[in-house]
Amino acid sequence: MPLRLRKFIGTILIIFLVLLYAILAVSIASAYLGTSPWWVHFLYFLLSGLLWVLPAMAIIKWMAGPVQK
């Protein structure tokens, strides 16, 4: 697969990942954290705000293609 096409597909995947992840994180927060104290909200959004990076890193590694020596 050409590198340019791989980067295009990866960009689309990252956009969908961020959109779906944000909707899921906010849905979970509104369903379960309604009466929780502020520090529970803070910890939840801190962790969920960092967690999306892991699948995004996998997509970015795939976009870069195999390492050429």
PDB file of N, CA and C in Angstrom:
ATOM      1  N   MET A   1       0.851  -1.170   0.000  1.00  0.00           N
ATOM      2  CA  MET A   1       0.000   0.000   0.000  1.00  0.00           C
ATOM      3  C   MET A   1       0.901   1.239   0.000  1.00  0.00           C
ATOM      4  N   PRO A   2       0.617   2.179  -0.877  1.00  0.00           N
ATOM      5  CA  PRO A   2       1.431   3.393  -0.921  1.00  0.00           C
ATOM      6  C   PRO A   2       1.351   4.175   0.406  1.00  0.00           C
ATOM      7  N   LEU A   3       2.437   4.797   0.747  1.00  0.00           N
ATOM      8  CA  LEU A   3       2.526   5.531   2.006  1.00  0.00           C
ATOM      9  C   LEU A   3       1.502   6.655   2.075  1.00  0.00           C
ATOM     10  N   ARG A   4       1.264   7.299   0.960  1.00  0.00           N
ATOM     11  CA  ARG A   4       0.306   8.407   0.945  1.00  0.00           C
ATOM     12  C   ARG A   4      -1.110   7.931   1.265  1.00  0.00           C
ATOM     13  N   LEU A   5      -1.511   6.799   0.711  1.00  0.00           N
ATOM     14  CA  LEU A   5      -2.823   6.222   0.990  1.00  0.00           C
ATOM     15  C   LEU A   5      -2.914   5.756   2.442  1.00  0.00           C
ATOM     16  N   ARG A   6      -1.833   5.168   2.934  1.00  0.00           N
ATOM     17  CA  ARG A   6      -1.800   4.712   4.322  1.00  0.00           C
ATOM     18  C   ARG A   6      -1.967   5.890   5.284  1.00  0.00           C
ATOM     19  N   LYS A   7      -1.344   7.012   4.992  1.00  0.00           N
ATOM     20  CA  LYS A   7      -1.477   8.193   5.841  1.00  0.00           C
ATOM     21  C   LYS A   7      -2.891   8.766   5.773  1.00  0.00           C
ATOM     22  N   PHE A   8      -3.503   8.737   4.612  1.00  0.00           N
ATOM     23  CA  PHE A   8      -4.870   9.227   4.475  1.00  0.00           C
ATOM     24  C   PHE A   8      -5.839   8.370   5.292  1.00  0.00           C
ATOM     25  N   ILE A   9      -5.718   7.051   5.150  1.00  0.00           N
ATOM     26  CA  ILE A   9      -6.586   6.142   5.903  1.00  0.00           C
ATOM     27  C   ILE A   9      -6.344   6.294   7.400  1.00  0.00           C
ATOM     28  N   GLY A  10      -5.093   6.416   7.803  1.00  0.00           N
ATOM     29  CA  GLY A  10      -4.764   6.591   9.214  1.00  0.00           C
ATOM     30  C   GLY A  10      -5.334   7.877   9.782  1.00  0.00           C
ATOM     31  N   THR A  11      -5.300   8.946   9.011  1.00  0.00           N
ATOM     32  CA  THR A  11      -5.867  10.217   9.457  1.00  0.00           C
ATOM     33  C   THR A  11      -7.369  10.096   9.673  1.00  0.00           C
ATOM     34  N   ILE A  12      -8.059   9.451   8.752  1.00  0.00           N
ATOM     35  CA  ILE A  12      -9.501   9.237   8.895  1.00  0.00           C
ATOM     36  C   ILE A  12      -9.782   8.370  10.127  1.00  0.00           C
ATOM     37  N   LEU A  13      -8.983   7.323  10.324  1.00  0.00           N
ATOM     38  CA  LEU A  13      -9.173   6.459  11.493  1.00  0.00           C
ATOM     39  C   LEU A  13      -8.969   7.214  12.803  1.00  0.00           C
ATOM     40  N   ILE A  14      -7.970   8.071  12.862  1.00  0.00           N
ATOM     41  CA  ILE A  14      -7.724   8.844  14.084  1.00  0.00           C
ATOM     42  C   ILE A  14      -8.876   9.807  14.353  1.00  0.00           C
ATOM     43  N   ILE A  15      -9.412  10.427  13.320  1.00  0.00           N
ATOM     44  CA  ILE A  15     -10.552  11.334  13.510  1.00  0.00           C
ATOM     45  C   ILE A  15     -11.749  10.564  14.067  1.00  0.00           C
ATOM     46  N   PHE A  16     -12.053   9.400  13.495  1.00  0.00           N
ATOM     47  CA  PHE A  16     -13.154   8.586  14.007  1.00  0.00           C
ATOM     48  C   PHE A  16     -12.873   8.099  15.420  1.00  0.00           C
ATOM     49  N   LEU A  17     -11.636   7.715  15.698  1.00  0.00           N
ATOM     50  CA  LEU A  17     -11.274   7.270  17.033  1.00  0.00           C
ATOM     51  C   LEU A  17     -11.533   8.362  18.071  1.00  0.00           C
ATOM     52  N   VAL A  18     -11.094   9.566  17.780  1.00  0.00           N
ATOM     53  CA  VAL A  18     -11.266  10.666  18.730  1.00  0.00           C
ATOM     54  C   VAL A  18     -12.741  10.987  18.928  1.00  0.00           C
ATOM     55  N   LEU A  19     -13.509  11.025  17.849  1.00  0.00           N
ATOM     56  CA  LEU A  19     -14.930  11.320  17.967  1.00  0.00           C
ATOM     57  C   LEU A  19     -15.670  10.248  18.773  1.00  0.00           C
ATOM     58  N   LEU A  20     -15.462   8.996  18.437  1.00  0.00           N
ATOM     59  CA  LEU A  20     -16.142   7.915  19.146  1.00  0.00           C
ATOM     60  C   LEU A  20     -15.685   7.824  20.595  1.00  0.00           C
ATOM     61  N   TYR A  21     -14.409   8.018  20.830  1.00  0.00           N
ATOM     62  CA  TYR A  21     -13.887   7.941  22.190  1.00  0.00           C
ATOM     63  C   TYR A  21     -14.445   9.072  23.055  1.00  0.00           C
ATOM     64  N   ALA A  22     -14.538  10.262  22.498  1.00  0.00           N
ATOM     65  CA  ALA A  22     -15.084  11.391  23.257  1.00  0.00           C
ATOM     66  C   ALA A  22     -16.551  11.153  23.600  1.00  0.00           C
ATOM     67  N   ILE A  23     -17.327  10.665  22.640  1.00  0.00           N
ATOM     68  CA  ILE A  23     -18.745  10.382  22.901  1.00  0.00           C
ATOM     69  C   ILE A  23     -18.879   9.300  23.971  1.00  0.00           C
ATOM     70  N   LEU A  24     -18.076   8.252  23.883  1.00  0.00           N
ATOM     71  CA  LEU A  24     -18.125   7.176  24.855  1.00  0.00           C
ATOM     72  C   LEU A  24     -17.717   7.664  26.249  1.00  0.00           C
ATOM     73  N   ALA A  25     -16.642   8.442  26.332  1.00  0.00           N
ATOM     74  CA  ALA A  25     -16.164   8.922  27.632  1.00  0.00           C
ATOM     75  C   ALA A  25     -17.188   9.840  28.296  1.00  0.00           C
ATOM     76  N   VAL A  26     -17.796  10.725  27.537  1.00  0.00           N
ATOM     77  CA  VAL A  26     -18.796  11.631  28.105  1.00  0.00           C
ATOM     78  C   VAL A  26     -20.063  10.871  28.477  1.00  0.00           C
ATOM     79  N   SER A  27     -20.448   9.878  27.697  1.00  0.00           N
ATOM     80  CA  SER A  27     -21.629   9.075  28.018  1.00  0.00           C
ATOM     81  C   SER A  27     -21.434   8.312  29.322  1.00  0.00           C
ATOM     82  N   ILE A  28     -20.280   7.710  29.482  1.00  0.00           N
ATOM     83  CA  ILE A  28     -19.987   6.994  30.723  1.00  0.00           C
ATOM     84  C   ILE A  28     -19.971   7.958  31.902  1.00  0.00           C
ATOM     85  N   ALA A  29     -19.362   9.113  31.723  1.00  0.00           N
ATOM     86  CA  ALA A  29     -19.291  10.092  32.804  1.00  0.00           C
ATOM     87  C   ALA A  29     -20.674  10.580  33.203  1.00  0.00           C
ATOM     88  N   SER A  30     -21.512  10.870  32.245  1.00  0.00           N
ATOM     89  CA  SER A  30     -22.841  11.380  32.586  1.00  0.00           C
ATOM     90  C   SER A  30     -23.729  10.294  33.180  1.00  0.00           C
ATOM     91  N   ALA A  31     -23.496   9.039  32.831  1.00  0.00           N
ATOM     92  CA  ALA A  31     -24.318   7.951  33.352  1.00  0.00           C
ATOM     93  C   ALA A  31     -23.909   7.533  34.766  1.00  0.00           C
ATOM     94  N   TYR A  32     -22.616   7.582  35.066  1.00  0.00           N
ATOM     95  CA  TYR A  32     -22.138   7.029  36.330  1.00  0.00           C
ATOM     96  C   TYR A  32     -21.563   8.048  37.307  1.00  0.00           C
ATOM     97  N   LEU A  33     -21.194   9.230  36.850  1.00  0.00           N
ATOM     98  CA  LEU A  33     -20.507  10.170  37.730  1.00  0.00           C
ATOM     99  C   LEU A  33     -21.365  11.360  38.136  1.00  0.00           C
ATOM    100  N   GLY A  34     -22.652  11.263  37.974  1.00  0.00           N
ATOM    101  CA  GLY A  34     -23.526  12.399  38.236  1.00  0.00           C
ATOM    102  C   GLY A  34     -23.450  12.943  39.648  1.00  0.00           C
ATOM    103  N   THR A  35     -23.377  12.072  40.633  1.00  0.00           N
ATOM    104  CA  THR A  35     -23.378  12.516  42.023  1.00  0.00           C
ATOM    105  C   THR A  35     -22.020  12.344  42.697  1.00  0.00           C
ATOM    106  N   SER A  36     -21.000  12.088  41.916  1.00  0.00           N
ATOM    107  CA  SER A  36     -19.663  11.891  42.477  1.00  0.00           C
ATOM    108  C   SER A  36     -19.025  13.230  42.834  1.00  0.00           C
ATOM    109  N   PRO A  37     -18.074  13.197  43.764  1.00  0.00           N
ATOM    110  CA  PRO A  37     -17.367  14.439  44.115  1.00  0.00           C
ATOM    111  C   PRO A  37     -16.477  14.920  42.974  1.00  0.00           C
ATOM    112  N   TRP A  38     -16.017  16.151  43.092  1.00  0.00           N
ATOM    113  CA  TRP A  38     -15.236  16.773  42.028  1.00  0.00           C
ATOM    114  C   TRP A  38     -13.961  16.013  41.729  1.00  0.00           C
ATOM    115  N   TRP A  39     -13.321  15.416  42.720  1.00  0.00           N
ATOM    116  CA  TRP A  39     -12.043  14.757  42.495  1.00  0.00           C
ATOM    117  C   TRP A  39     -12.209  13.459  41.703  1.00  0.00           C
ATOM    118  N   VAL A  40     -13.379  12.817  41.819  1.00  0.00           N
ATOM    119  CA  VAL A  40     -13.651  11.628  40.999  1.00  0.00           C
ATOM    120  C   VAL A  40     -13.808  12.035  39.537  1.00  0.00           C
ATOM    121  N   HIS A  41     -14.494  13.142  39.314  1.00  0.00           N
ATOM    122  CA  HIS A  41     -14.614  13.675  37.949  1.00  0.00           C
ATOM    123  C   HIS A  41     -13.240  14.010  37.392  1.00  0.00           C
ATOM    124  N   PHE A  42     -12.428  14.660  38.210  1.00  0.00           N
ATOM    125  CA  PHE A  42     -11.083  15.049  37.773  1.00  0.00           C
ATOM    126  C   PHE A  42     -10.254  13.828  37.386  1.00  0.00           C
ATOM    127  N   LEU A  43     -10.235  12.813  38.243  1.00  0.00           N
ATOM    128  CA  LEU A  43      -9.465  11.608  37.941  1.00  0.00           C
ATOM    129  C   LEU A  43      -9.994  10.878  36.713  1.00  0.00           C
ATOM    130  N   TYR A  44     -11.314  10.801  36.599  1.00  0.00           N
ATOM    131  CA  TYR A  44     -11.892  10.119  35.441  1.00  0.00           C
ATOM    132  C   TYR A  44     -11.503  10.815  34.138  1.00  0.00           C
ATOM    133  N   PHE A  45     -11.679  12.131  34.100  1.00  0.00           N
ATOM    134  CA  PHE A  45     -11.375  12.828  32.858  1.00  0.00           C
ATOM    135  C   PHE A  45      -9.870  12.927  32.599  1.00  0.00           C
ATOM    136  N   LEU A  46      -9.068  12.912  33.638  1.00  0.00           N
ATOM    137  CA  LEU A  46      -7.622  12.870  33.451  1.00  0.00           C
ATOM    138  C   LEU A  46      -7.214  11.547  32.810  1.00  0.00           C
ATOM    139  N   LEU A  47      -7.696  10.447  33.370  1.00  0.00           N
ATOM    140  CA  LEU A  47      -7.332   9.138  32.826  1.00  0.00           C
ATOM    141  C   LEU A  47      -7.952   8.890  31.455  1.00  0.00           C
ATOM    142  N   SER A  48      -9.214   9.230  31.308  1.00  0.00           N
ATOM    143  CA  SER A  48      -9.846   8.996  30.012  1.00  0.00           C
ATOM    144  C   SER A  48      -9.294   9.956  28.952  1.00  0.00           C
ATOM    145  N   GLY A  49      -8.816  11.103  29.371  1.00  0.00           N
ATOM    146  CA  GLY A  49      -8.212  12.033  28.428  1.00  0.00           C
ATOM    147  C   GLY A  49      -6.860  11.570  27.927  1.00  0.00           C
ATOM    148  N   LEU A  50      -6.183  10.749  28.710  1.00  0.00           N
ATOM    149  CA  LEU A  50      -4.878  10.220  28.295  1.00  0.00           C
ATOM    150  C   LEU A  50      -4.981   8.860  27.620  1.00  0.00           C
ATOM    151  N   LEU A  51      -6.045   8.124  27.892  1.00  0.00           N
ATOM    152  CA  LEU A  51      -6.161   6.748  27.410  1.00  0.00           C
ATOM    153  C   LEU A  51      -6.314   6.641  25.895  1.00  0.00           C
ATOM    154  N   TRP A  52      -6.880   7.637  25.243  1.00  0.00           N
ATOM    155  CA  TRP A  52      -7.083   7.560  23.800  1.00  0.00           C
ATOM    156  C   TRP A  52      -5.762   7.575  23.037  1.00  0.00           C
ATOM    157  N   VAL A  53      -4.698   7.983  23.710  1.00  0.00           N
ATOM    158  CA  VAL A  53      -3.395   8.071  23.052  1.00  0.00           C
ATOM    159  C   VAL A  53      -2.883   6.690  22.651  1.00  0.00           C
ATOM    160  N   LEU A  54      -3.193   5.666  23.431  1.00  0.00           N
ATOM    161  CA  LEU A  54      -2.676   4.321  23.134  1.00  0.00           C
ATOM    162  C   LEU A  54      -3.143   3.787  21.780  1.00  0.00           C
ATOM    163  N   PRO A  55      -4.456   3.789  21.477  1.00  0.00           N
ATOM    164  CA  PRO A  55      -4.829   3.327  20.132  1.00  0.00           C
ATOM    165  C   PRO A  55      -4.378   4.290  19.034  1.00  0.00           C
ATOM    166  N   ALA A  56      -4.286   5.578  19.354  1.00  0.00           N
ATOM    167  CA  ALA A  56      -3.805   6.530  18.346  1.00  0.00           C
ATOM    168  C   ALA A  56      -2.342   6.263  18.010  1.00  0.00           C
ATOM    169  N   MET A  57      -1.550   5.871  19.010  1.00  0.00           N
ATOM    170  CA  MET A  57      -0.141   5.543  18.740  1.00  0.00           C
ATOM    171  C   MET A  57      -0.026   4.333  17.821  1.00  0.00           C
ATOM    172  N   ALA A  58      -0.896   3.353  18.017  1.00  0.00           N
ATOM    173  CA  ALA A  58      -0.864   2.174  17.144  1.00  0.00           C
ATOM    174  C   ALA A  58      -1.208   2.555  15.706  1.00  0.00           C
ATOM    175  N   ILE A  59      -2.178   3.436  15.542  1.00  0.00           N
ATOM    176  CA  ILE A  59      -2.546   3.883  14.192  1.00  0.00           C
ATOM    177  C   ILE A  59      -1.399   4.664  13.566  1.00  0.00           C
ATOM    178  N   ILE A  60      -0.755   5.513  14.341  1.00  0.00           N
ATOM    179  CA  ILE A  60       0.358   6.306  13.813  1.00  0.00           C
ATOM    180  C   ILE A  60       1.531   5.419  13.429  1.00  0.00           C
ATOM    181  N   LYS A  61       1.804   4.387  14.220  1.00  0.00           N
ATOM    182  CA  LYS A  61       2.875   3.446  13.853  1.00  0.00           C
ATOM    183  C   LYS A  61       2.543   2.727  12.548  1.00  0.00           C
ATOM    184  N   TRP A  62       1.268   2.355  12.395  1.00  0.00           N
ATOM    185  CA  TRP A  62       0.859   1.708  11.148  1.00  0.00           C
ATOM    186  C   TRP A  62       0.987   2.666   9.972  1.00  0.00           C
ATOM    187  N   MET A  63       0.645   3.928  10.193  1.00  0.00           N
ATOM    188  CA  MET A  63       0.735   4.927   9.124  1.00  0.00           C
ATOM    189  C   MET A  63       2.168   5.111   8.651  1.00  0.00           C
ATOM    190  N   ALA A  64       3.110   5.020   9.571  1.00  0.00           N
ATOM    191  CA  ALA A  64       4.512   5.231   9.224  1.00  0.00           C
ATOM    192  C   ALA A  64       5.050   4.122   8.339  1.00  0.00           C
ATOM    193  N   GLY A  65       4.440   2.963   8.410  1.00  0.00           N
ATOM    194  CA  GLY A  65       4.870   1.855   7.578  1.00  0.00           C
ATOM    195  C   GLY A  65       6.027   1.124   8.193  1.00  0.00           C
ATOM    196  N   PRO A  66       6.501   0.101   7.504  1.00  0.00           N
ATOM    197  CA  PRO A  66       7.629  -0.685   8.033  1.00  0.00           C
ATOM    198  C   PRO A  66       8.916   0.145   8.030  1.00  0.00           C
ATOM    199  N   VAL A  67       9.754  -0.165   9.006  1.00  0.00           N
ATOM    200  CA  VAL A  67      11.037   0.530   9.092  1.00  0.00           C
ATOM    201  C   VAL A  67      11.928   0.025   7.975  1.00  0.00           C
ATOM    202  N   GLN A  68      12.453   0.948   7.181  1.00  0.00           N
ATOM    203  CA  GLN A  68      13.327   0.589   6.072  1.00  0.00           C
ATOM    204  C   GLN A  68      14.771   0.827   6.470  1.00  0.00           C
ATOM    205  N   LYS A  69      15.606  -0.175   6.232  1.00  0.00           N
ATOM    206  CA  LYS A  69      17.023  -0.055   6.607  1.00  0.00           C
ATOM    207  C   LYS A  69      17.891   0.025   5.391  1.00  0.00           C
TER     208      LYS A  69
END
